[in-house]
């Protein structure tokens, strides 16, 4: 009888929290001032450039103001910096999760080796990973029922059921389209013929690219190149670079620096130098600066001082007129 009562209390508590998140999250996000919003935006930009240490103080400004997305990214920055789930990271994830952030719930659901468990000093209010997992599943289900394709993807992350990923992709969530395409390429899914698998991959990458996801733009461009559609390859490489995808900026810039391009890019050393120079701000992780420092001397050796000066100005112009550089890391 007592165990039945405890189960009822636990399920009731989870239900209450799931209902509560719908009334908390919008209000918390709406309370950010312009300065706090700017700090949050910059913090996420830095995190996506693999600069978690620099991102942390920016994200903390918005996280302290109660923004759940900033709280999630702050947890990510802390976890990335410290290489494990610290109490500070858990606290940030919990603050976001209690406002309805499913990403944070999923992170907490996966944390089975909490230090307090080892030390046997967990607070009585601490939720078990299983409780966070149920909360994530219930919240994702509720939002998926309302038509959220992103929630359908998160339901997949909670359950591992491919049907949710497929449903998310069908409903236009560009990351799911890209991710499902990658999974099919790796052999997941059942296709009678290899050609059917290739068609499915191409269709998913095309949909994701046209929906604006930069990683898919490069993937779709590569598929077109394999079919000798070099015009399409050039188009999507340029689009991905213009969207701020660091890998694409490096690739596009490098192609422009080739005097004899295999893919038909017009030789343009000035723009090549400019694009590669833009990437020098990525001095966090990712190894991009090393690649650029290897390419630039080779390129500059063929340029005049005037051309390099023009390229330097173009680099500033590009940075001012395009989205911030990003590696577009997966959010989970």
C-alpha atoms as a PDB file:
ATOM      1  CA  UNK A   1       0.000   0.000   0.000  1.00  0.00           C
ATOM      2  CA  UNK A   2       2.796   2.362   0.953  1.00  0.00           C
ATOM      3  CA  UNK A   3       4.698   1.634  -2.309  1.00  0.00           C
ATOM      4  CA  UNK A   4       1.538   2.327  -4.309  1.00  0.00           C
ATOM      5  CA  UNK A   5       1.144   5.649  -2.549  1.00  0.00           C
ATOM      6  CA  UNK A   6       4.755   6.555  -3.240  1.00  0.00           C
ATOM      7  CA  UNK A   7       4.355   5.736  -6.925  1.00  0.00           C
ATOM      8  CA  UNK A   8       1.237   7.903  -7.034  1.00  0.00           C
ATOM      9  CA  UNK A   9       3.034  10.799  -5.368  1.00  0.00           C
ATOM     10  CA  UNK A  10       5.956  10.520  -7.794  1.00  0.00           C
ATOM     11  CA  UNK A  11       3.707  10.416 -10.861  1.00  0.00           C
ATOM     12  CA  UNK A  12       1.621  13.291  -9.514  1.00  0.00           C
ATOM     13  CA  UNK A  13       4.758  15.320  -8.876  1.00  0.00           C
ATOM     14  CA  UNK A  14       5.979  14.715 -12.427  1.00  0.00           C
ATOM     15  CA  UNK A  15       2.586  15.646 -13.861  1.00  0.00           C
ATOM     16  CA  UNK A  16       2.555  18.848 -11.821  1.00  0.00           C
ATOM     17  CA  UNK A  17       6.005  19.800 -13.089  1.00  0.00           C
ATOM     18  CA  UNK A  18       5.057  19.055 -16.696  1.00  0.00           C
ATOM     19  CA  UNK A  19       2.017  21.302 -16.359  1.00  0.00           C
ATOM     20  CA  UNK A  20       4.029  23.965 -14.575  1.00  0.00           C
ATOM     21  CA  UNK A  21       6.652  24.309 -17.297  1.00  0.00           C
ATOM     22  CA  UNK A  22       4.093  25.621 -19.774  1.00  0.00           C
ATOM     23  CA  UNK A  23       3.350  28.585 -17.492  1.00  0.00           C
ATOM     24  CA  UNK A  24       6.948  29.435 -16.570  1.00  0.00           C
ATOM     25  CA  UNK A  25       9.135  29.385 -19.670  1.00  0.00           C
ATOM     26  CA  UNK A  26       7.545  32.139 -21.759  1.00  0.00           C
ATOM     27  CA  UNK A  27       7.455  34.538 -18.839  1.00  0.00           C
ATOM     28  CA  UNK A  28      11.116  33.967 -17.940  1.00  0.00           C
ATOM     29  CA  UNK A  29      12.290  34.569 -21.491  1.00  0.00           C
ATOM     30  CA  UNK A  30      10.187  37.726 -21.831  1.00  0.00           C
ATOM     31  CA  UNK A  31      11.873  39.337 -18.824  1.00  0.00           C
ATOM     32  CA  UNK A  32      15.296  39.752 -20.459  1.00  0.00           C
ATOM     33  CA  UNK A  33      16.456  43.312 -20.972  1.00  0.00           C
ATOM     34  CA  UNK A  34      18.171  44.314 -24.208  1.00  0.00           C
ATOM     35  CA  UNK A  35      21.579  44.014 -22.548  1.00  0.00           C
ATOM     36  CA  UNK A  36      20.751  40.590 -21.139  1.00  0.00           C
ATOM     37  CA  UNK A  37      19.453  39.404 -24.502  1.00  0.00           C
ATOM     38  CA  UNK A  38      22.607  40.693 -26.210  1.00  0.00           C
ATOM     39  CA  UNK A  39      24.741  38.840 -23.657  1.00  0.00           C
ATOM     40  CA  UNK A  40      22.781  35.630 -24.234  1.00  0.00           C
ATOM     41  CA  UNK A  41      23.093  35.930 -28.017  1.00  0.00           C
ATOM     42  CA  UNK A  42      26.823  36.565 -27.813  1.00  0.00           C
ATOM     43  CA  UNK A  43      27.281  33.735 -25.328  1.00  0.00           C
ATOM     44  CA  UNK A  44      25.612  31.231 -27.648  1.00  0.00           C
ATOM     45  CA  UNK A  45      27.683  32.534 -30.564  1.00  0.00           C
ATOM     46  CA  UNK A  46      30.886  31.978 -28.591  1.00  0.00           C
ATOM     47  CA  UNK A  47      29.785  28.523 -27.487  1.00  0.00           C
ATOM     48  CA  UNK A  48      29.080  27.573 -31.108  1.00  0.00           C
ATOM     49  CA  UNK A  49      32.605  28.708 -31.968  1.00  0.00           C
ATOM     50  CA  UNK A  50      34.011  26.252 -29.396  1.00  0.00           C
ATOM     51  CA  UNK A  51      34.848  29.093 -27.019  1.00  0.00           C
ATOM     52  CA  UNK A  52      33.066  27.741 -23.963  1.00  0.00           C
ATOM     53  CA  UNK A  53      35.324  29.573 -21.506  1.00  0.00           C
ATOM     54  CA  UNK A  54      34.577  32.949 -23.100  1.00  0.00           C
ATOM     55  CA  UNK A  55      30.889  32.067 -23.442  1.00  0.00           C
ATOM     56  CA  UNK A  56      30.344  31.336 -19.761  1.00  0.00           C
ATOM     57  CA  UNK A  57      30.250  34.913 -18.331  1.00  0.00           C
ATOM     58  CA  UNK A  58      27.990  36.099 -21.163  1.00  0.00           C
ATOM     59  CA  UNK A  59      25.572  33.223 -20.704  1.00  0.00           C
ATOM     60  CA  UNK A  60      25.561  33.690 -16.940  1.00  0.00           C
ATOM     61  CA  UNK A  61      24.138  37.198 -17.315  1.00  0.00           C
ATOM     62  CA  UNK A  62      21.019  35.901 -19.060  1.00  0.00           C
ATOM     63  CA  UNK A  63      20.913  32.688 -17.018  1.00  0.00           C
ATOM     64  CA  UNK A  64      20.878  34.661 -13.769  1.00  0.00           C
ATOM     65  CA  UNK A  65      17.962  36.634 -15.195  1.00  0.00           C
ATOM     66  CA  UNK A  66      16.051  33.363 -15.556  1.00  0.00           C
ATOM     67  CA  UNK A  67      16.320  32.607 -19.270  1.00  0.00           C
ATOM     68  CA  UNK A  68      16.058  28.799 -19.702  1.00  0.00           C
ATOM     69  CA  UNK A  69      17.930  28.608 -23.001  1.00  0.00           C
ATOM     70  CA  UNK A  70      20.828  30.581 -21.518  1.00  0.00           C
ATOM     71  CA  UNK A  71      20.725  28.311 -18.467  1.00  0.00           C
ATOM     72  CA  UNK A  72      20.991  25.249 -20.699  1.00  0.00           C
ATOM     73  CA  UNK A  73      23.917  26.660 -22.673  1.00  0.00           C
ATOM     74  CA  UNK A  74      25.590  27.761 -19.449  1.00  0.00           C
ATOM     75  CA  UNK A  75      25.340  24.178 -18.228  1.00  0.00           C
ATOM     76  CA  UNK A  76      26.842  23.025 -21.526  1.00  0.00           C
ATOM     77  CA  UNK A  77      29.697  25.533 -21.288  1.00  0.00           C
ATOM     78  CA  UNK A  78      30.497  24.485 -17.720  1.00  0.00           C
ATOM     79  CA  UNK A  79      30.325  20.772 -18.564  1.00  0.00           C
ATOM     80  CA  UNK A  80      32.516  21.281 -21.645  1.00  0.00           C
ATOM     81  CA  UNK A  81      35.119  23.285 -19.730  1.00  0.00           C
ATOM     82  CA  UNK A  82      35.314  20.912 -16.773  1.00  0.00           C
ATOM     83  CA  UNK A  83      35.022  17.702 -18.845  1.00  0.00           C
ATOM     84  CA  UNK A  84      32.344  16.288 -16.534  1.00  0.00           C
ATOM     85  CA  UNK A  85      29.008  17.150 -14.949  1.00  0.00           C
ATOM     86  CA  UNK A  86      29.766  19.476 -12.043  1.00  0.00           C
ATOM     87  CA  UNK A  87      27.310  20.600  -9.361  1.00  0.00           C
ATOM     88  CA  UNK A  88      27.303  24.037 -11.001  1.00  0.00           C
ATOM     89  CA  UNK A  89      26.328  22.526 -14.351  1.00  0.00           C
ATOM     90  CA  UNK A  90      23.594  20.416 -12.746  1.00  0.00           C
ATOM     91  CA  UNK A  91      22.201  23.502 -11.020  1.00  0.00           C
ATOM     92  CA  UNK A  92      22.026  25.374 -14.319  1.00  0.00           C
ATOM     93  CA  UNK A  93      20.381  22.446 -16.120  1.00  0.00           C
ATOM     94  CA  UNK A  94      17.858  22.039 -13.300  1.00  0.00           C
ATOM     95  CA  UNK A  95      16.910  25.716 -13.432  1.00  0.00           C
ATOM     96  CA  UNK A  96      16.250  25.395 -17.167  1.00  0.00           C
ATOM     97  CA  UNK A  97      14.499  22.031 -16.900  1.00  0.00           C
ATOM     98  CA  UNK A  98      12.041  23.336 -14.323  1.00  0.00           C
ATOM     99  CA  UNK A  99      11.069  26.005 -16.854  1.00  0.00           C
ATOM    100  CA  UNK A 100      10.384  23.453 -19.564  1.00  0.00           C
ATOM    101  CA  UNK A 101      13.726  23.087 -21.324  1.00  0.00           C
ATOM    102  CA  UNK A 102      13.636  19.517 -22.621  1.00  0.00           C
ATOM    103  CA  UNK A 103      17.309  19.568 -23.626  1.00  0.00           C
ATOM    104  CA  UNK A 104      18.223  20.136 -19.981  1.00  0.00           C
ATOM    105  CA  UNK A 105      15.879  17.373 -18.841  1.00  0.00           C
ATOM    106  CA  UNK A 106      17.611  14.977 -21.221  1.00  0.00           C
ATOM    107  CA  UNK A 107      21.052  15.987 -19.949  1.00  0.00           C
ATOM    108  CA  UNK A 108      19.921  15.399 -16.362  1.00  0.00           C
ATOM    109  CA  UNK A 109      18.319  12.080 -17.304  1.00  0.00           C
ATOM    110  CA  UNK A 110      21.670  10.877 -18.588  1.00  0.00           C
ATOM    111  CA  UNK A 111      23.596  11.848 -15.466  1.00  0.00           C
ATOM    112  CA  UNK A 112      23.777   8.562 -13.552  1.00  0.00           C
ATOM    113  CA  UNK A 113      27.121   9.145 -11.831  1.00  0.00           C
ATOM    114  CA  UNK A 114      26.367  12.304  -9.897  1.00  0.00           C
ATOM    115  CA  UNK A 115      29.081  13.095  -7.359  1.00  0.00           C
ATOM    116  CA  UNK A 116      26.517  13.383  -4.559  1.00  0.00           C
ATOM    117  CA  UNK A 117      25.521   9.747  -5.177  1.00  0.00           C
ATOM    118  CA  UNK A 118      29.124   8.662  -4.716  1.00  0.00           C
ATOM    119  CA  UNK A 119      29.468  10.824  -1.594  1.00  0.00           C
ATOM    120  CA  UNK A 120      26.005   9.762  -0.342  1.00  0.00           C
ATOM    121  CA  UNK A 121      25.053  13.340   0.443  1.00  0.00           C
ATOM    122  CA  UNK A 122      22.399  14.139  -2.176  1.00  0.00           C
ATOM    123  CA  UNK A 123      19.719  16.624  -1.080  1.00  0.00           C
ATOM    124  CA  UNK A 124      16.281  15.116  -0.446  1.00  0.00           C
ATOM    125  CA  UNK A 125      14.827  17.293  -3.196  1.00  0.00           C
ATOM    126  CA  UNK A 126      17.171  15.800  -5.811  1.00  0.00           C
ATOM    127  CA  UNK A 127      15.373  14.101  -8.683  1.00  0.00           C
ATOM    128  CA  UNK A 128      16.619  10.776  -9.961  1.00  0.00           C
ATOM    129  CA  UNK A 129      17.718  10.558 -13.625  1.00  0.00           C
ATOM    130  CA  UNK A 130      14.672   8.400 -14.327  1.00  0.00           C
ATOM    131  CA  UNK A 131      12.379  11.155 -13.077  1.00  0.00           C
ATOM    132  CA  UNK A 132      14.011  13.671 -15.403  1.00  0.00           C
ATOM    133  CA  UNK A 133      13.711  11.174 -18.240  1.00  0.00           C
ATOM    134  CA  UNK A 134       9.986  10.754 -17.641  1.00  0.00           C
ATOM    135  CA  UNK A 135       9.537  14.501 -17.411  1.00  0.00           C
ATOM    136  CA  UNK A 136      11.415  14.948 -20.700  1.00  0.00           C
ATOM    137  CA  UNK A 137       9.295  12.286 -22.378  1.00  0.00           C
ATOM    138  CA  UNK A 138       5.998  13.689 -21.082  1.00  0.00           C
ATOM    139  CA  UNK A 139       6.886  17.270 -21.982  1.00  0.00           C
ATOM    140  CA  UNK A 140       8.098  16.285 -25.447  1.00  0.00           C
ATOM    141  CA  UNK A 141       4.927  14.246 -26.017  1.00  0.00           C
ATOM    142  CA  UNK A 142       2.731  17.190 -25.078  1.00  0.00           C
ATOM    143  CA  UNK A 143       4.548  19.568 -27.414  1.00  0.00           C
ATOM    144  CA  UNK A 144       4.725  17.012 -30.216  1.00  0.00           C
ATOM    145  CA  UNK A 145       0.952  16.619 -29.954  1.00  0.00           C
ATOM    146  CA  UNK A 146       0.711  20.357 -30.590  1.00  0.00           C
ATOM    147  CA  UNK A 147       2.721  19.893 -33.798  1.00  0.00           C
ATOM    148  CA  UNK A 148       6.260  20.796 -32.688  1.00  0.00           C
ATOM    149  CA  UNK A 149       8.672  18.987 -35.020  1.00  0.00           C
ATOM    150  CA  UNK A 150      11.553  19.820 -32.671  1.00  0.00           C
ATOM    151  CA  UNK A 151       9.696  18.113 -29.810  1.00  0.00           C
ATOM    152  CA  UNK A 152       9.268  15.055 -32.034  1.00  0.00           C
ATOM    153  CA  UNK A 153      13.052  14.962 -32.435  1.00  0.00           C
ATOM    154  CA  UNK A 154      13.503  15.269 -28.674  1.00  0.00           C
ATOM    155  CA  UNK A 155      11.017  12.441 -28.175  1.00  0.00           C
ATOM    156  CA  UNK A 156      13.314  10.373 -30.392  1.00  0.00           C
ATOM    157  CA  UNK A 157      16.288  11.321 -28.206  1.00  0.00           C
ATOM    158  CA  UNK A 158      14.396  10.194 -25.117  1.00  0.00           C
ATOM    159  CA  UNK A 159      12.970   6.949 -26.502  1.00  0.00           C
ATOM    160  CA  UNK A 160      15.418   5.958 -29.235  1.00  0.00           C
ATOM    161  CA  UNK A 161      12.418   5.170 -31.442  1.00  0.00           C
ATOM    162  CA  UNK A 162      13.326   5.982 -35.059  1.00  0.00           C
ATOM    163  CA  UNK A 163       9.676   6.634 -35.875  1.00  0.00           C
ATOM    164  CA  UNK A 164       9.867   9.907 -33.928  1.00  0.00           C
ATOM    165  CA  UNK A 165      12.945  10.997 -35.875  1.00  0.00           C
ATOM    166  CA  UNK A 166      11.222  10.172 -39.152  1.00  0.00           C
ATOM    167  CA  UNK A 167       8.096  12.031 -38.059  1.00  0.00           C
ATOM    168  CA  UNK A 168      10.177  15.060 -37.073  1.00  0.00           C
ATOM    169  CA  UNK A 169      11.897  15.052 -40.471  1.00  0.00           C
ATOM    170  CA  UNK A 170       8.571  14.682 -42.276  1.00  0.00           C
ATOM    171  CA  UNK A 171       7.282  17.703 -40.367  1.00  0.00           C
ATOM    172  CA  UNK A 172      10.159  19.874 -41.559  1.00  0.00           C
ATOM    173  CA  UNK A 173      12.641  19.995 -38.672  1.00  0.00           C
ATOM    174  CA  UNK A 174      15.826  20.629 -40.645  1.00  0.00           C
ATOM    175  CA  UNK A 175      18.215  19.088 -38.138  1.00  0.00           C
ATOM    176  CA  UNK A 176      16.188  15.856 -38.114  1.00  0.00           C
ATOM    177  CA  UNK A 177      16.250  15.775 -41.908  1.00  0.00           C
ATOM    178  CA  UNK A 178      20.033  16.122 -41.864  1.00  0.00           C
ATOM    179  CA  UNK A 179      20.498  13.676 -38.984  1.00  0.00           C
ATOM    180  CA  UNK A 180      18.238  11.043 -40.544  1.00  0.00           C
ATOM    181  CA  UNK A 181      20.123  11.404 -43.826  1.00  0.00           C
ATOM    182  CA  UNK A 182      23.408  10.772 -42.009  1.00  0.00           C
ATOM    183  CA  UNK A 183      21.911   7.725 -40.282  1.00  0.00           C
ATOM    184  CA  UNK A 184      20.716   6.291 -43.588  1.00  0.00           C
ATOM    185  CA  UNK A 185      24.182   6.819 -45.030  1.00  0.00           C
ATOM    186  CA  UNK A 186      25.643   4.866 -42.110  1.00  0.00           C
ATOM    187  CA  UNK A 187      23.390   1.915 -42.887  1.00  0.00           C
ATOM    188  CA  UNK A 188      20.360   2.517 -40.685  1.00  0.00           C
ATOM    189  CA  UNK A 189      16.899   1.893 -42.082  1.00  0.00           C
ATOM    190  CA  UNK A 190      15.669  -0.744 -44.508  1.00  0.00           C
ATOM    191  CA  UNK A 191      15.772  -0.246 -48.270  1.00  0.00           C
ATOM    192  CA  UNK A 192      15.214  -2.878 -50.955  1.00  0.00           C
ATOM    193  CA  UNK A 193      17.771  -1.307 -53.293  1.00  0.00           C
ATOM    194  CA  UNK A 194      20.891   0.833 -52.725  1.00  0.00           C
ATOM    195  CA  UNK A 195      19.453   3.331 -55.195  1.00  0.00           C
ATOM    196  CA  UNK A 196      16.409   3.808 -52.940  1.00  0.00           C
ATOM    197  CA  UNK A 197      18.681   4.534 -49.993  1.00  0.00           C
ATOM    198  CA  UNK A 198      20.646   7.068 -52.071  1.00  0.00           C
ATOM    199  CA  UNK A 199      17.411   8.743 -53.172  1.00  0.00           C
ATOM    200  CA  UNK A 200      16.210   8.989 -49.570  1.00  0.00           C
ATOM    201  CA  UNK A 201      19.512  10.504 -48.425  1.00  0.00           C
ATOM    202  CA  UNK A 202      19.510  13.033 -51.249  1.00  0.00           C
ATOM    203  CA  UNK A 203      15.891  14.002 -50.587  1.00  0.00           C
ATOM    204  CA  UNK A 204      16.548  14.564 -46.889  1.00  0.00           C
ATOM    205  CA  UNK A 205      19.715  16.586 -47.467  1.00  0.00           C
ATOM    206  CA  UNK A 206      17.999  18.674 -50.136  1.00  0.00           C
ATOM    207  CA  UNK A 207      15.053  19.428 -47.845  1.00  0.00           C
ATOM    208  CA  UNK A 208      17.350  20.323 -44.948  1.00  0.00           C
ATOM    209  CA  UNK A 209      19.598  22.492 -47.152  1.00  0.00           C
ATOM    210  CA  UNK A 210      16.642  24.339 -48.639  1.00  0.00           C
ATOM    211  CA  UNK A 211      15.316  24.769 -45.106  1.00  0.00           C
ATOM    212  CA  UNK A 212      18.499  26.641 -44.188  1.00  0.00           C
ATOM    213  CA  UNK A 213      20.652  24.107 -42.325  1.00  0.00           C
ATOM    214  CA  UNK A 214      24.287  24.809 -43.327  1.00  0.00           C
ATOM    215  CA  UNK A 215      25.709  21.343 -42.639  1.00  0.00           C
ATOM    216  CA  UNK A 216      23.109  19.857 -44.973  1.00  0.00           C
ATOM    217  CA  UNK A 217      24.033  22.436 -47.612  1.00  0.00           C
ATOM    218  CA  UNK A 218      27.539  20.991 -47.784  1.00  0.00           C
ATOM    219  CA  UNK A 219      26.243  17.425 -47.784  1.00  0.00           C
ATOM    220  CA  UNK A 220      23.757  18.138 -50.551  1.00  0.00           C
ATOM    221  CA  UNK A 221      26.419  19.973 -52.542  1.00  0.00           C
ATOM    222  CA  UNK A 222      28.687  16.928 -52.279  1.00  0.00           C
ATOM    223  CA  UNK A 223      25.881  14.686 -53.553  1.00  0.00           C
ATOM    224  CA  UNK A 224      25.429  16.981 -56.553  1.00  0.00           C
ATOM    225  CA  UNK A 225      29.170  16.934 -57.237  1.00  0.00           C
ATOM    226  CA  UNK A 226      29.083  13.136 -57.370  1.00  0.00           C
ATOM    227  CA  UNK A 227      26.485  13.531 -60.139  1.00  0.00           C
ATOM    228  CA  UNK A 228      28.788  16.009 -61.939  1.00  0.00           C
ATOM    229  CA  UNK A 229      26.491  18.918 -61.095  1.00  0.00           C
ATOM    230  CA  UNK A 230      29.336  21.292 -60.285  1.00  0.00           C
ATOM    231  CA  UNK A 231      27.160  24.363 -60.585  1.00  0.00           C
ATOM    232  CA  UNK A 232      24.989  22.987 -57.780  1.00  0.00           C
ATOM    233  CA  UNK A 233      28.096  22.118 -55.778  1.00  0.00           C
ATOM    234  CA  UNK A 234      29.406  25.675 -56.089  1.00  0.00           C
ATOM    235  CA  UNK A 235      26.005  27.152 -55.224  1.00  0.00           C
ATOM    236  CA  UNK A 236      25.558  25.199 -51.985  1.00  0.00           C
ATOM    237  CA  UNK A 237      29.149  25.685 -50.855  1.00  0.00           C
ATOM    238  CA  UNK A 238      28.712  29.422 -51.230  1.00  0.00           C
ATOM    239  CA  UNK A 239      25.329  29.344 -49.454  1.00  0.00           C
ATOM    240  CA  UNK A 240      26.771  27.411 -46.514  1.00  0.00           C
ATOM    241  CA  UNK A 241      29.662  29.863 -46.249  1.00  0.00           C
ATOM    242  CA  UNK A 242      27.282  32.823 -46.380  1.00  0.00           C
ATOM    243  CA  UNK A 243      25.316  31.230 -43.522  1.00  0.00           C
ATOM    244  CA  UNK A 244      28.436  31.408 -41.347  1.00  0.00           C
ATOM    245  CA  UNK A 245      29.352  27.710 -41.282  1.00  0.00           C
ATOM    246  CA  UNK A 246      33.069  27.808 -40.505  1.00  0.00           C
ATOM    247  CA  UNK A 247      33.891  24.590 -42.368  1.00  0.00           C
ATOM    248  CA  UNK A 248      32.140  25.934 -45.470  1.00  0.00           C
ATOM    249  CA  UNK A 249      33.897  29.305 -45.234  1.00  0.00           C
ATOM    250  CA  UNK A 250      37.229  27.492 -45.186  1.00  0.00           C
ATOM    251  CA  UNK A 251      36.241  25.259 -48.094  1.00  0.00           C
ATOM    252  CA  UNK A 252      34.773  28.044 -50.215  1.00  0.00           C
ATOM    253  CA  UNK A 253      37.719  30.325 -49.492  1.00  0.00           C
ATOM    254  CA  UNK A 254      40.160  27.563 -50.390  1.00  0.00           C
ATOM    255  CA  UNK A 255      38.359  26.782 -53.657  1.00  0.00           C
ATOM    256  CA  UNK A 256      38.561  30.443 -54.702  1.00  0.00           C
ATOM    257  CA  UNK A 257      42.320  30.303 -54.187  1.00  0.00           C
ATOM    258  CA  UNK A 258      42.821  27.477 -56.681  1.00  0.00           C
ATOM    259  CA  UNK A 259      44.102  28.632 -60.067  1.00  0.00           C
ATOM    260  CA  UNK A 260      42.715  25.501 -61.717  1.00  0.00           C
ATOM    261  CA  UNK A 261      39.556  24.491 -59.918  1.00  0.00           C
ATOM    262  CA  UNK A 262      38.309  20.937 -60.301  1.00  0.00           C
ATOM    263  CA  UNK A 263      34.788  22.174 -59.575  1.00  0.00           C
ATOM    264  CA  UNK A 264      34.768  25.276 -61.737  1.00  0.00           C
ATOM    265  CA  UNK A 265      35.265  28.002 -59.139  1.00  0.00           C
ATOM    266  CA  UNK A 266      36.580  31.259 -60.596  1.00  0.00           C
ATOM    267  CA  UNK A 267      40.091  32.032 -59.367  1.00  0.00           C
ATOM    268  CA  UNK A 268      39.793  34.951 -56.942  1.00  0.00           C
ATOM    269  CA  UNK A 269      42.804  35.233 -54.612  1.00  0.00           C
ATOM    270  CA  UNK A 270      41.570  38.436 -52.975  1.00  0.00           C
ATOM    271  CA  UNK A 271      38.254  36.948 -51.839  1.00  0.00           C
ATOM    272  CA  UNK A 272      40.020  33.706 -50.986  1.00  0.00           C
ATOM    273  CA  UNK A 273      42.435  35.525 -48.683  1.00  0.00           C
ATOM    274  CA  UNK A 274      39.579  37.552 -47.184  1.00  0.00           C
ATOM    275  CA  UNK A 275      37.451  34.512 -46.353  1.00  0.00           C
ATOM    276  CA  UNK A 276      40.341  32.587 -44.860  1.00  0.00           C
ATOM    277  CA  UNK A 277      41.336  35.638 -42.799  1.00  0.00           C
ATOM    278  CA  UNK A 278      37.828  35.865 -41.329  1.00  0.00           C
ATOM    279  CA  UNK A 279      38.375  32.452 -39.759  1.00  0.00           C
ATOM    280  CA  UNK A 280      41.317  33.642 -37.659  1.00  0.00           C
ATOM    281  CA  UNK A 281      38.885  34.687 -34.930  1.00  0.00           C
ATOM    282  CA  UNK A 282      38.150  30.989 -34.321  1.00  0.00           C
ATOM    283  CA  UNK A 283      41.028  30.612 -31.892  1.00  0.00           C
ATOM    284  CA  UNK A 284      39.133  28.321 -29.526  1.00  0.00           C
ATOM    285  CA  UNK A 285      38.724  24.651 -30.409  1.00  0.00           C
ATOM    286  CA  UNK A 286      38.191  23.066 -33.798  1.00  0.00           C
ATOM    287  CA  UNK A 287      41.711  23.509 -35.192  1.00  0.00           C
ATOM    288  CA  UNK A 288      40.565  26.051 -37.777  1.00  0.00           C
ATOM    289  CA  UNK A 289      43.305  28.607 -37.093  1.00  0.00           C
ATOM    290  CA  UNK A 290      46.007  26.011 -37.766  1.00  0.00           C
ATOM    291  CA  UNK A 291      44.431  25.198 -41.127  1.00  0.00           C
ATOM    292  CA  UNK A 292      44.175  28.868 -42.065  1.00  0.00           C
ATOM    293  CA  UNK A 293      47.744  29.630 -41.015  1.00  0.00           C
ATOM    294  CA  UNK A 294      48.872  26.792 -43.263  1.00  0.00           C
ATOM    295  CA  UNK A 295      46.912  28.099 -46.276  1.00  0.00           C
ATOM    296  CA  UNK A 296      47.444  31.865 -46.030  1.00  0.00           C
ATOM    297  CA  UNK A 297      51.237  31.980 -46.612  1.00  0.00           C
ATOM    298  CA  UNK A 298      50.821  29.778 -49.673  1.00  0.00           C
ATOM    299  CA  UNK A 299      48.165  32.144 -51.011  1.00  0.00           C
ATOM    300  CA  UNK A 300      49.839  35.425 -50.065  1.00  0.00           C
ATOM    301  CA  UNK A 301      53.035  34.381 -51.863  1.00  0.00           C
ATOM    302  CA  UNK A 302      51.119  34.841 -55.131  1.00  0.00           C
ATOM    303  CA  UNK A 303      49.568  38.196 -54.168  1.00  0.00           C
ATOM    304  CA  UNK A 304      50.725  41.807 -54.204  1.00  0.00           C
ATOM    305  CA  UNK A 305      50.701  44.006 -51.107  1.00  0.00           C
ATOM    306  CA  UNK A 306      47.787  45.936 -52.599  1.00  0.00           C
ATOM    307  CA  UNK A 307      45.765  42.757 -53.103  1.00  0.00           C
ATOM    308  CA  UNK A 308      46.388  41.690 -49.513  1.00  0.00           C
ATOM    309  CA  UNK A 309      45.272  45.126 -48.314  1.00  0.00           C
ATOM    310  CA  UNK A 310      42.073  44.820 -50.355  1.00  0.00           C
ATOM    311  CA  UNK A 311      41.499  41.343 -48.937  1.00  0.00           C
ATOM    312  CA  UNK A 312      41.891  42.638 -45.391  1.00  0.00           C
ATOM    313  CA  UNK A 313      39.176  45.231 -45.989  1.00  0.00           C
ATOM    314  CA  UNK A 314      36.928  42.625 -47.598  1.00  0.00           C
ATOM    315  CA  UNK A 315      37.360  40.393 -44.550  1.00  0.00           C
ATOM    316  CA  UNK A 316      36.068  43.179 -42.298  1.00  0.00           C
ATOM    317  CA  UNK A 317      33.153  43.788 -44.642  1.00  0.00           C
ATOM    318  CA  UNK A 318      32.271  40.087 -44.711  1.00  0.00           C
ATOM    319  CA  UNK A 319      32.294  39.876 -40.912  1.00  0.00           C
ATOM    320  CA  UNK A 320      30.002  42.909 -40.672  1.00  0.00           C
ATOM    321  CA  UNK A 321      27.475  41.709 -43.257  1.00  0.00           C
ATOM    322  CA  UNK A 322      27.204  37.967 -42.554  1.00  0.00           C
ATOM    323  CA  UNK A 323      26.041  35.839 -39.623  1.00  0.00           C
ATOM    324  CA  UNK A 324      28.605  35.077 -36.903  1.00  0.00           C
ATOM    325  CA  UNK A 325      30.895  32.169 -37.648  1.00  0.00           C
ATOM    326  CA  UNK A 326      29.728  28.879 -36.193  1.00  0.00           C
ATOM    327  CA  UNK A 327      30.666  25.213 -36.207  1.00  0.00           C
ATOM    328  CA  UNK A 328      26.967  24.437 -35.722  1.00  0.00           C
ATOM    329  CA  UNK A 329      27.587  21.766 -33.074  1.00  0.00           C
ATOM    330  CA  UNK A 330      24.653  19.498 -32.285  1.00  0.00           C
ATOM    331  CA  UNK A 331      22.674  20.906 -29.370  1.00  0.00           C
ATOM    332  CA  UNK A 332      22.661  17.525 -27.614  1.00  0.00           C
END
